[in-house]
């Protein structure tokens, strides 16, 4: 019998070795990866090692029977695989009990090979289709989160500058600068939107071989973009740029986006302090961009969770924060072949370090 099926991993659980051999041989010939277990305890171990796409389970076994195994599987912090009940029993009460326990189907022994394969094909196909749909939904949600977060910083700058202009809170000589901030921030927002519309993989922004960004240019851009917000929060800025020749292998807009996440965190959590923006050489072939403040720093218990999604630096201080900034920034830097980490600053404060590979041969 031939069948065009998607490959899948099947865990076969039976205390009879001959049954394991027969079922394993039948399924292997159809292209499935088959894992066998001769007891409930062994099946539990195999399941924890790698969650299968389907479990073929003999419910009547010595020691841990099928019902006890299913209860143990459902207590694991792992995805649930569909379970097909394989039994020689024709007892209606046992079948009902099996369905109540969570099985999706059953096959009676002795079974016809065609029947077993048809049921396996159907349930593995449903499982793999469900996995694909869940993956697509997850990727779409990640993209929505990413776009929403990336638009937050430029739109916040637009709102900040336009609100001051609208309320006549700006000196005439500074008005051109505020208008420039509004224009540039709006252009950045549109640039992000174009980027995501043109890219089929918003999270996988791996740099092209010829892409590079200047560290000194990025530091000066950060100061120009956020000088008004920094001044409004009473933050004094020290810029320690590297040589103009220092360039790293990442898209310029992407580096600005990552770095401004760190600067806006300092604006929120370290008002009235000093902020240092610096660039320096690191290990051979790498450069670092550093954002260091004199705020309260990150509590020790938060540092372990710092780069996980939806983790806020300080609870209760920013109701508008979704806790995605640092996790997305770390992922973007990693995709570019670099690292992002946090350090406690000597004398108090927070230091974030972006380390990226040098862009060679770029001017």
Protein backbone atom coordinates (compact mmCIF):
# COMPACT_ATOMS: atom_id res chain seq x y z
CA UNK A 1 0.00 0.00 0.00
CA UNK A 2 1.37 3.44 -0.92
CA UNK A 3 0.25 6.73 0.49
CA UNK A 4 1.31 10.34 -0.06
CA UNK A 5 1.57 11.54 3.51
CA UNK A 6 3.46 14.16 5.41
CA UNK A 7 6.26 12.76 7.58
CA UNK A 8 5.63 12.69 11.27
CA UNK A 9 6.94 11.26 14.52
CA UNK A 10 4.84 8.52 16.15
CA UNK A 11 5.24 7.07 19.62
CA UNK A 12 4.00 3.46 19.77
CA UNK A 13 3.33 2.15 23.28
CA UNK A 14 2.66 -1.56 23.83
CA UNK A 15 3.91 -4.11 26.35
CA UNK A 16 4.06 -6.83 23.66
CA UNK A 17 7.33 -6.74 21.66
CA UNK A 18 5.75 -8.48 18.68
CA UNK A 19 3.08 -5.76 18.43
CA UNK A 20 5.77 -3.09 18.55
CA UNK A 21 7.69 -4.75 15.73
CA UNK A 22 4.64 -5.14 13.50
CA UNK A 23 3.34 -1.60 13.97
CA UNK A 24 6.80 -0.04 13.77
CA UNK A 25 7.59 -1.86 10.51
CA UNK A 26 4.25 -0.88 8.97
CA UNK A 27 4.58 2.79 9.83
CA UNK A 28 8.28 3.04 8.96
CA UNK A 29 7.55 1.79 5.44
CA UNK A 30 5.18 4.73 5.07
CA UNK A 31 7.91 7.22 5.91
CA UNK A 32 7.08 7.88 9.55
CA UNK A 33 9.68 8.23 12.29
CA UNK A 34 8.67 5.62 14.86
CA UNK A 35 9.67 5.55 18.52
CA UNK A 36 8.71 2.47 20.55
CA UNK A 37 8.08 2.10 24.26
CA UNK A 38 7.33 -1.17 26.08
CA UNK A 39 5.85 0.42 29.21
CA UNK A 40 4.11 3.52 30.44
CA UNK A 41 7.23 4.67 32.26
CA UNK A 42 9.37 4.34 29.13
CA UNK A 43 6.72 6.09 27.05
CA UNK A 44 6.72 9.02 29.46
CA UNK A 45 10.49 9.33 29.09
CA UNK A 46 10.35 9.14 25.27
CA UNK A 47 7.60 11.77 25.21
CA UNK A 48 9.68 14.18 27.31
CA UNK A 49 12.69 13.67 25.02
CA UNK A 50 10.73 14.75 21.94
CA UNK A 51 6.99 15.38 21.71
CA UNK A 52 5.56 13.13 18.97
CA UNK A 53 2.90 14.01 16.42
CA UNK A 54 0.78 11.02 17.44
CA UNK A 55 0.70 8.38 20.17
CA UNK A 56 -0.54 4.85 19.43
CA UNK A 57 -1.34 3.57 22.90
CA UNK A 58 -2.23 0.16 24.26
CA UNK A 59 -4.47 1.05 27.19
CA UNK A 60 -4.16 -2.31 29.02
CA UNK A 61 -0.57 -2.73 30.24
CA UNK A 62 1.02 -3.97 33.46
CA UNK A 63 2.32 -1.33 35.84
CA UNK A 64 1.36 2.08 34.45
CA UNK A 65 -1.59 1.46 32.12
CA UNK A 66 -2.71 3.72 29.30
CA UNK A 67 -5.09 5.75 31.45
CA UNK A 68 -2.39 6.49 34.02
CA UNK A 69 0.09 7.35 31.25
CA UNK A 70 -2.31 9.85 29.68
CA UNK A 71 -2.89 11.51 33.03
CA UNK A 72 0.89 11.79 33.52
CA UNK A 73 1.39 13.17 29.99
CA UNK A 74 -1.21 15.88 30.53
CA UNK A 75 0.63 17.05 33.64
CA UNK A 76 3.80 17.71 31.64
CA UNK A 77 4.49 21.34 30.60
CA UNK A 78 4.62 20.16 26.98
CA UNK A 79 2.28 20.31 23.98
CA UNK A 80 -0.35 17.58 23.84
CA UNK A 81 -0.06 15.04 21.05
CA UNK A 82 -3.21 13.28 19.84
CA UNK A 83 -3.62 9.75 21.22
CA UNK A 84 -5.15 6.81 19.34
CA UNK A 85 -6.29 3.97 21.59
CA UNK A 86 -5.18 0.50 20.32
CA UNK A 87 -6.91 -2.33 22.14
CA UNK A 88 -8.17 -5.88 21.88
CA UNK A 89 -11.08 -5.04 24.16
CA UNK A 90 -14.55 -4.45 22.77
CA UNK A 91 -15.91 -3.20 26.09
CA UNK A 92 -18.08 -0.14 25.46
CA UNK A 93 -17.41 1.18 28.95
CA UNK A 94 -13.67 1.08 28.39
CA UNK A 95 -14.02 2.89 25.06
CA UNK A 96 -16.09 5.63 26.68
CA UNK A 97 -13.55 5.90 29.49
CA UNK A 98 -10.76 6.21 26.91
CA UNK A 99 -12.54 9.05 25.10
CA UNK A 100 -13.20 10.78 28.42
CA UNK A 101 -9.47 10.50 29.12
CA UNK A 102 -8.72 12.39 25.91
CA UNK A 103 -8.09 9.87 23.11
CA UNK A 104 -9.11 11.05 19.64
CA UNK A 105 -9.76 7.66 18.04
CA UNK A 106 -9.36 3.92 18.55
CA UNK A 107 -8.29 0.82 16.61
CA UNK A 108 -9.16 -2.69 17.70
CA UNK A 109 -6.82 -5.68 17.58
CA UNK A 110 -6.31 -7.53 15.36
CA UNK A 111 -6.33 -4.54 13.03
CA UNK A 112 -6.22 -4.29 9.27
CA UNK A 113 -3.05 -2.52 8.11
CA UNK A 114 -5.10 -0.32 5.79
CA UNK A 115 -7.37 0.78 8.63
CA UNK A 116 -4.50 1.59 10.99
CA UNK A 117 -2.67 3.58 8.30
CA UNK A 118 -5.81 5.49 7.34
CA UNK A 119 -6.42 6.56 10.94
CA UNK A 120 -2.76 7.42 11.51
CA UNK A 121 -2.58 9.44 8.26
CA UNK A 122 -5.73 11.36 9.16
CA UNK A 123 -4.69 12.30 12.69
CA UNK A 124 -1.06 13.10 11.87
CA UNK A 125 -2.28 15.24 8.96
CA UNK A 126 -4.63 17.13 11.27
CA UNK A 127 -1.90 17.57 13.87
CA UNK A 128 0.64 18.93 11.38
CA UNK A 129 -1.95 21.24 9.82
CA UNK A 130 -2.87 22.59 13.25
CA UNK A 131 0.82 23.14 14.03
CA UNK A 132 1.27 25.10 10.80
CA UNK A 133 -1.77 27.28 11.52
CA UNK A 134 -0.55 27.97 15.06
CA UNK A 135 2.88 28.86 13.72
CA UNK A 136 1.41 31.28 11.18
CA UNK A 137 -0.75 32.88 13.88
CA UNK A 138 2.26 33.17 16.17
CA UNK A 139 4.42 34.75 13.45
CA UNK A 140 1.69 37.23 12.59
CA UNK A 141 1.34 38.24 16.23
CA UNK A 142 5.10 38.65 16.51
CA UNK A 143 5.08 40.87 13.45
CA UNK A 144 2.21 42.96 14.83
CA UNK A 145 4.09 43.37 18.13
CA UNK A 146 7.26 44.32 16.29
CA UNK A 147 5.63 46.90 14.02
CA UNK A 148 3.69 48.44 16.90
CA UNK A 149 6.81 48.72 19.01
CA UNK A 150 9.00 50.11 16.21
CA UNK A 151 6.45 52.83 15.45
CA UNK A 152 6.20 53.83 19.11
CA UNK A 153 9.50 55.73 19.34
CA UNK A 154 9.20 57.91 16.21
CA UNK A 155 5.54 58.65 16.88
CA UNK A 156 6.38 59.58 20.48
CA UNK A 157 8.95 62.06 19.14
CA UNK A 158 6.36 63.51 16.77
CA UNK A 159 3.86 63.87 19.59
CA UNK A 160 6.41 65.42 21.97
CA UNK A 161 7.64 68.04 19.49
CA UNK A 162 4.24 68.86 18.01
CA UNK A 163 2.68 69.25 21.45
CA UNK A 164 5.29 71.85 22.42
CA UNK A 165 4.85 73.70 19.12
CA UNK A 166 1.06 73.54 19.37
CA UNK A 167 1.10 75.03 22.88
CA UNK A 168 3.58 77.80 22.00
CA UNK A 169 6.16 76.31 24.34
CA UNK A 170 9.14 76.73 22.05
CA UNK A 171 11.50 79.66 21.56
CA UNK A 172 11.38 81.03 18.00
CA UNK A 173 15.02 80.18 17.28
CA UNK A 174 14.39 76.52 18.17
CA UNK A 175 11.25 76.12 16.08
CA UNK A 176 13.12 74.89 12.96
CA UNK A 177 14.72 72.15 15.04
CA UNK A 178 11.37 71.00 16.40
CA UNK A 179 9.90 70.94 12.90
CA UNK A 180 12.89 68.92 11.70
CA UNK A 181 12.33 66.38 14.49
CA UNK A 182 8.67 66.05 13.52
CA UNK A 183 9.53 65.57 9.85
CA UNK A 184 12.39 63.11 10.43
CA UNK A 185 10.39 61.06 12.93
CA UNK A 186 7.45 60.80 10.54
CA UNK A 187 9.85 59.70 7.78
CA UNK A 188 11.28 57.04 10.09
CA UNK A 189 7.78 55.75 10.87
CA UNK A 190 6.96 55.50 7.17
CA UNK A 191 10.32 53.85 6.57
CA UNK A 192 9.52 51.15 9.13
CA UNK A 193 6.14 50.55 7.50
CA UNK A 194 7.70 50.24 4.04
CA UNK A 195 10.32 47.88 5.42
CA UNK A 196 7.73 45.48 6.85
CA UNK A 197 5.52 45.66 3.77
CA UNK A 198 8.45 44.86 1.50
CA UNK A 199 9.89 42.14 3.74
CA UNK A 200 8.29 38.73 4.11
CA UNK A 201 10.21 38.09 7.34
CA UNK A 202 9.99 41.06 9.66
CA UNK A 203 11.89 39.39 12.52
CA UNK A 204 14.69 37.91 10.45
CA UNK A 205 16.35 41.15 9.49
CA UNK A 206 19.73 39.64 8.66
CA UNK A 207 22.03 42.28 7.17
CA UNK A 208 23.08 42.13 3.54
CA UNK A 209 26.84 41.66 3.01
CA UNK A 210 27.37 45.30 1.96
CA UNK A 211 25.20 46.90 4.69
CA UNK A 212 26.95 48.99 7.33
CA UNK A 213 26.32 51.73 9.87
CA UNK A 214 28.71 54.30 11.33
CA UNK A 215 28.90 54.23 15.13
CA UNK A 216 29.83 57.91 15.47
CA UNK A 217 27.01 58.93 13.13
CA UNK A 218 24.56 56.85 15.14
CA UNK A 219 25.60 58.44 18.43
CA UNK A 220 25.26 61.96 17.05
CA UNK A 221 21.87 61.05 15.51
CA UNK A 222 20.65 59.85 18.91
CA UNK A 223 21.69 63.13 20.51
CA UNK A 224 19.97 65.22 17.84
CA UNK A 225 16.80 63.14 17.90
CA UNK A 226 16.37 63.06 21.66
CA UNK A 227 18.04 66.26 22.86
CA UNK A 228 14.68 67.91 23.62
CA UNK A 229 13.33 64.95 25.60
CA UNK A 230 16.64 64.61 27.43
CA UNK A 231 16.65 68.30 28.30
CA UNK A 232 13.03 68.15 29.44
CA UNK A 233 13.91 65.30 31.82
CA UNK A 234 16.98 67.07 33.16
CA UNK A 235 19.43 64.53 31.73
CA UNK A 236 22.93 65.71 30.87
CA UNK A 237 24.53 63.81 27.99
CA UNK A 238 28.17 62.95 27.39
CA UNK A 239 29.05 61.62 23.93
CA UNK A 240 32.27 59.63 23.53
CA UNK A 241 32.34 58.76 19.82
CA UNK A 242 34.74 56.29 18.26
CA UNK A 243 36.75 57.17 15.14
CA UNK A 244 34.64 58.09 12.12
CA UNK A 245 35.98 54.96 10.42
CA UNK A 246 34.24 52.69 12.96
CA UNK A 247 31.46 50.93 11.07
CA UNK A 248 29.47 47.82 11.97
CA UNK A 249 27.65 45.28 9.81
CA UNK A 250 24.01 46.22 10.35
CA UNK A 251 21.49 48.42 8.58
CA UNK A 252 21.79 52.02 9.76
CA UNK A 253 18.07 52.38 10.50
CA UNK A 254 18.04 49.11 12.42
CA UNK A 255 20.99 50.17 14.61
CA UNK A 256 19.30 53.49 15.36
CA UNK A 257 16.11 51.66 16.24
CA UNK A 258 17.89 49.35 18.70
CA UNK A 259 19.92 52.16 20.27
CA UNK A 260 16.96 54.49 20.69
CA UNK A 261 15.17 51.79 22.68
CA UNK A 262 18.01 52.06 25.19
CA UNK A 263 18.01 55.86 25.18
CA UNK A 264 14.24 56.10 25.69
CA UNK A 265 14.54 53.69 28.62
CA UNK A 266 17.08 56.05 30.19
CA UNK A 267 14.73 58.99 29.59
CA UNK A 268 11.93 57.13 31.37
CA UNK A 269 13.84 55.60 34.26
CA UNK A 270 16.83 57.90 34.93
CA UNK A 271 15.57 61.51 34.94
CA UNK A 272 17.82 64.19 36.39
CA UNK A 273 20.97 62.10 35.97
CA UNK A 274 23.81 61.78 33.49
CA UNK A 275 23.73 59.71 30.31
CA UNK A 276 26.80 58.50 28.44
CA UNK A 277 26.66 57.51 24.76
CA UNK A 278 29.90 55.88 23.69
CA UNK A 279 31.50 53.79 20.98
CA UNK A 280 34.63 51.72 21.44
CA UNK A 281 36.54 48.83 19.95
CA UNK A 282 36.00 45.40 21.45
CA UNK A 283 37.35 41.98 20.56
CA UNK A 284 39.19 41.87 17.23
CA UNK A 285 36.67 42.50 14.47
CA UNK A 286 33.97 43.93 16.77
CA UNK A 287 32.79 47.35 17.94
CA UNK A 288 30.57 48.31 20.86
CA UNK A 289 27.89 50.98 21.25
CA UNK A 290 27.25 51.78 24.91
CA UNK A 291 24.32 53.52 26.59
CA UNK A 292 25.00 54.11 30.29
CA UNK A 293 22.92 56.10 32.78
CA UNK A 294 23.06 56.97 36.49
CA UNK A 295 19.55 55.87 37.29
CA UNK A 296 18.45 53.17 39.75
CA UNK A 297 19.81 50.33 37.62
CA UNK A 298 18.05 46.99 37.18
CA UNK A 299 17.13 44.99 40.31
CA UNK A 300 19.00 41.67 40.53
CA UNK A 301 15.81 39.62 40.32
CA UNK A 302 14.84 41.45 37.09
CA UNK A 303 18.19 40.92 35.37
CA UNK A 304 17.48 37.23 34.79
CA UNK A 305 14.26 38.09 32.97
CA UNK A 306 15.46 41.34 31.38
CA UNK A 307 15.49 40.26 27.75
CA UNK A 308 12.36 38.11 27.86
CA UNK A 309 9.22 39.43 26.11
CA UNK A 310 6.76 41.50 28.17
CA UNK A 311 9.27 42.15 30.96
CA UNK A 312 9.22 45.74 32.24
CA UNK A 313 12.30 47.33 33.76
CA UNK A 314 10.39 48.88 36.66
CA UNK A 315 6.79 47.93 37.37
CA UNK A 316 4.26 50.73 37.68
CA UNK A 317 6.44 53.50 36.19
CA UNK A 318 5.29 53.25 32.59
CA UNK A 319 1.77 52.07 31.96
CA UNK A 320 2.31 52.42 28.19
CA UNK A 321 5.28 50.05 28.07
CA UNK A 322 4.56 46.61 26.64
CA UNK A 323 7.88 45.13 27.77
CA UNK A 324 8.94 44.15 24.24
CA UNK A 325 11.73 46.64 23.56
CA UNK A 326 14.72 44.84 25.01
CA UNK A 327 13.67 41.38 23.83
CA UNK A 328 13.21 42.62 20.27
CA UNK A 329 16.46 44.60 20.39
CA UNK A 330 18.39 41.54 21.56
CA UNK A 331 16.89 39.42 18.80
CA UNK A 332 17.71 42.01 16.13
CA UNK A 333 21.32 42.31 17.32
CA UNK A 334 21.68 38.51 17.42
CA UNK A 335 20.37 38.28 13.84
CA UNK A 336 23.15 40.68 12.84
CA UNK A 337 25.76 38.41 14.41
CA UNK A 338 26.20 40.45 17.58
CA UNK A 339 25.25 40.57 21.24
CA UNK A 340 23.30 42.86 23.57
CA UNK A 341 23.78 42.65 27.31
CA UNK A 342 23.32 44.55 30.56
CA UNK A 343 25.89 45.46 33.20
CA UNK A 344 25.58 47.13 36.60
CA UNK A 345 27.48 50.40 36.34
CA UNK A 346 30.17 51.06 38.91
CA UNK A 347 28.97 53.85 41.17
CA UNK A 348 25.32 53.11 40.34
CA UNK A 349 23.27 53.05 37.21
CA UNK A 350 22.65 50.86 34.17
CA UNK A 351 24.94 50.10 31.24
CA UNK A 352 23.69 48.42 28.06
CA UNK A 353 26.27 47.23 25.54
CA UNK A 354 25.57 46.50 21.86
CA UNK A 355 28.43 44.54 20.29
CA UNK A 356 28.43 44.07 16.52
CA UNK A 357 30.87 42.75 13.91
CA UNK A 358 32.95 45.29 12.07
CA UNK A 359 31.95 46.14 8.53
CA UNK A 360 35.11 45.62 6.53
CA UNK A 361 35.89 47.45 3.34
CA UNK A 362 33.18 50.05 3.91
CA UNK A 363 33.77 53.75 3.61
